[in-house]
Structures are given as structure tokens and as C-alpha cells.
Amino acid sequence: MEQIIRRMQSSGAKEGSVIVTTRRGRTCVRVLREQRANLLPNSVVLDESNSKSSQFVEPEELSPLNNLKQQLTEVEESLVTEVLRNLTLEFLSLLPEVEDLQKSLTGLDLVCSIIRLC
């Protein structure tokens, strides 16, 4: 990323006009609209500012990394879903025991309350 920024600055990017950010889950660079074609000619525009003066672009070099990040995120989400599903099934198998324990605790709580009042 630093190499991309240095290249942009050596190509004439205005000081402070290049900002690294994220749009749609992808790492990108904010550049002034009028400078994009000169600074990042093969970039993909992901978004633009409300004023239309800046564009959020994905430099060509970042596309493979962003794609890999997206794939890994999808794998992670799938694994999290699988773990949660397994935990839910395990809990459901124990539900009758949990319900029995809850009834016992409720009864004990009632007895303790009655004793305190006496």
C-alpha cells in the first residue's frame, strides 16, 4: 500500500489528497476525481463522495488481495455458522435437563424466600 501511495505522490497527487480507506469491505484509496485517471489509470471506482469531488478507487494491485480477503471472510462466516449450529444442536439435546434444573432452582428459591420471611 505504501508503494502505491508513494507512486501516486510521485505522479503528482496533492499532499494529503490520498487517503486509504474501505468501501464495500474492500481496501481502496480516496483520490480527487480530476486526478484519478493520471494517478491510477487501471483502477476500479468503488464509490464516490457525496460532493462527487472524490472517488474511492481500488488500485489494480489490490484487487487480488481484496478478492482473497473476501473469500477468507466468506469461509470465516461459514465456519462461524457451522460452530453456532453445532452449539445450538448440543444445547437442544440438553434442553430437557436444563428445564429440570430450572424447575429445581425455582423451587429452591421459593423455599429460601419462605424461610427468610419466617
Protein backbone atom coordinates (compact mmCIF):
# COMPACT_ATOMS: atom_id res chain seq x y z
CA MET A 1 0.00 0.00 0.00
CA GLU A 2 2.84 2.35 0.84
CA GLN A 3 4.36 1.74 -2.60
CA ILE A 4 1.08 2.64 -4.26
CA ILE A 5 0.82 5.86 -2.24
CA ARG A 6 4.45 6.79 -2.97
CA ARG A 7 3.87 6.15 -6.68
CA MET A 8 0.76 8.33 -6.61
CA GLN A 9 2.61 11.12 -4.81
CA SER A 10 5.48 10.98 -7.31
CA SER A 11 2.88 11.15 -10.10
CA GLY A 12 1.55 14.44 -8.76
CA ALA A 13 -1.02 13.60 -6.11
CA LYS A 14 -1.74 16.66 -4.00
CA GLU A 15 -0.37 16.49 -0.45
CA GLY A 16 -2.95 14.90 1.84
CA SER A 17 -5.33 14.10 -1.00
CA VAL A 18 -4.60 10.36 -0.96
CA ILE A 19 -6.34 8.54 1.89
CA VAL A 20 -6.52 4.77 2.40
CA THR A 21 -9.98 3.62 3.46
CA THR A 22 -12.51 0.82 2.99
CA ARG A 23 -15.59 0.71 0.79
CA ARG A 24 -17.88 -2.31 0.45
CA GLY A 25 -15.38 -4.30 2.52
CA ARG A 26 -12.54 -3.61 0.10
CA THR A 27 -9.40 -1.60 0.78
CA CYS A 28 -9.25 1.39 -1.52
CA VAL A 29 -7.79 4.85 -1.93
CA ARG A 30 -9.65 8.14 -1.91
CA VAL A 31 -8.40 10.42 -4.67
CA LEU A 32 -9.62 13.64 -6.18
CA ARG A 33 -11.82 12.92 -9.18
CA GLU A 34 -9.77 15.00 -11.57
CA GLN A 35 -6.56 13.19 -10.59
CA ARG A 36 -7.75 9.58 -10.76
CA ALA A 37 -7.06 8.96 -14.45
CA ASN A 38 -3.47 10.21 -14.10
CA LEU A 39 -2.71 8.59 -10.74
CA LEU A 40 -4.49 5.24 -11.04
CA PRO A 41 -5.49 4.68 -14.67
CA ASN A 42 -6.33 0.96 -14.26
CA SER A 43 -8.24 1.31 -11.02
CA VAL A 44 -11.82 0.34 -10.30
CA VAL A 45 -14.13 3.02 -8.91
CA LEU A 46 -15.93 1.58 -5.88
CA ASP A 47 -17.70 4.71 -4.68
CA GLU A 48 -17.61 8.48 -4.77
CA SER A 49 -18.12 11.26 -2.25
CA ASN A 50 -21.48 13.00 -1.91
CA SER A 51 -19.99 16.10 -3.48
CA LYS A 52 -18.63 13.99 -6.39
CA SER A 53 -15.23 15.63 -5.91
CA SER A 54 -13.52 12.47 -4.64
CA GLN A 55 -13.60 8.88 -5.79
CA PHE A 56 -12.83 5.75 -3.82
CA VAL A 57 -10.85 3.52 -6.12
CA GLU A 58 -9.31 0.09 -5.87
CA PRO A 59 -5.84 0.11 -7.42
CA GLU A 60 -5.24 -2.77 -9.81
CA GLU A 61 -2.56 -4.21 -7.50
CA LEU A 62 -5.04 -4.52 -4.62
CA SER A 63 -7.70 -6.49 -6.49
CA PRO A 64 -6.16 -9.95 -5.86
CA LEU A 65 -5.66 -9.18 -2.15
CA ASN A 66 -9.18 -7.78 -1.79
CA ASN A 67 -10.57 -10.84 -3.57
CA LEU A 68 -8.64 -13.14 -1.23
CA LYS A 69 -9.87 -11.14 1.77
CA GLN A 70 -13.45 -11.54 0.52
CA GLN A 71 -13.03 -15.30 0.07
CA LEU A 72 -11.48 -15.70 3.53
CA THR A 73 -14.29 -13.63 5.06
CA GLU A 74 -16.85 -15.93 3.43
CA VAL A 75 -15.02 -19.02 4.74
CA GLU A 76 -14.87 -17.47 8.22
CA GLU A 77 -18.60 -16.68 8.17
CA SER A 78 -19.35 -20.23 7.06
CA LEU A 79 -17.24 -21.66 9.89
CA VAL A 80 -18.89 -19.39 12.46
CA THR A 81 -22.32 -20.50 11.22
CA GLU A 82 -21.29 -24.15 11.49
CA VAL A 83 -19.96 -23.71 15.04
CA LEU A 84 -23.13 -21.88 16.11
CA ARG A 85 -25.31 -24.57 14.53
CA ASN A 86 -23.37 -27.31 16.35
CA LEU A 87 -23.59 -25.47 19.68
CA THR A 88 -27.34 -24.98 19.18
CA LEU A 89 -27.84 -28.69 18.46
CA GLU A 90 -25.78 -29.61 21.51
CA PHE A 91 -27.79 -27.24 23.69
CA LEU A 92 -31.08 -28.57 22.31
CA SER A 93 -30.02 -32.10 23.25
CA LEU A 94 -29.52 -30.87 26.84
CA LEU A 95 -32.70 -28.78 26.96
CA PRO A 96 -34.82 -31.25 28.99
CA GLU A 97 -32.06 -31.41 31.65
CA VAL A 98 -31.75 -27.61 31.68
CA GLU A 99 -35.51 -27.24 32.09
CA ASP A 100 -35.50 -29.72 35.00
CA LEU A 101 -32.66 -27.81 36.69
CA GLN A 102 -34.55 -24.55 36.19
CA LYS A 103 -37.64 -26.01 37.91
CA SER A 104 -35.48 -27.27 40.80
CA LEU A 105 -33.82 -23.86 41.21
CA THR A 106 -37.18 -22.12 41.14
CA GLY A 107 -38.40 -24.43 43.90
CA LEU A 108 -35.27 -23.82 45.98
CA ASP A 109 -35.64 -20.08 45.51
CA LEU A 110 -39.23 -20.27 46.74
CA VAL A 111 -38.20 -22.27 49.81
CA CYS A 112 -35.39 -19.78 50.62
CA SER A 113 -37.81 -16.87 50.31
CA ILE A 114 -40.32 -18.51 52.63
CA ILE A 115 -37.59 -19.24 55.20
CA ARG A 116 -36.43 -15.60 55.13
CA LEU A 117 -39.97 -14.37 55.72
CA CYS A 118 -40.50 -16.65 58.72
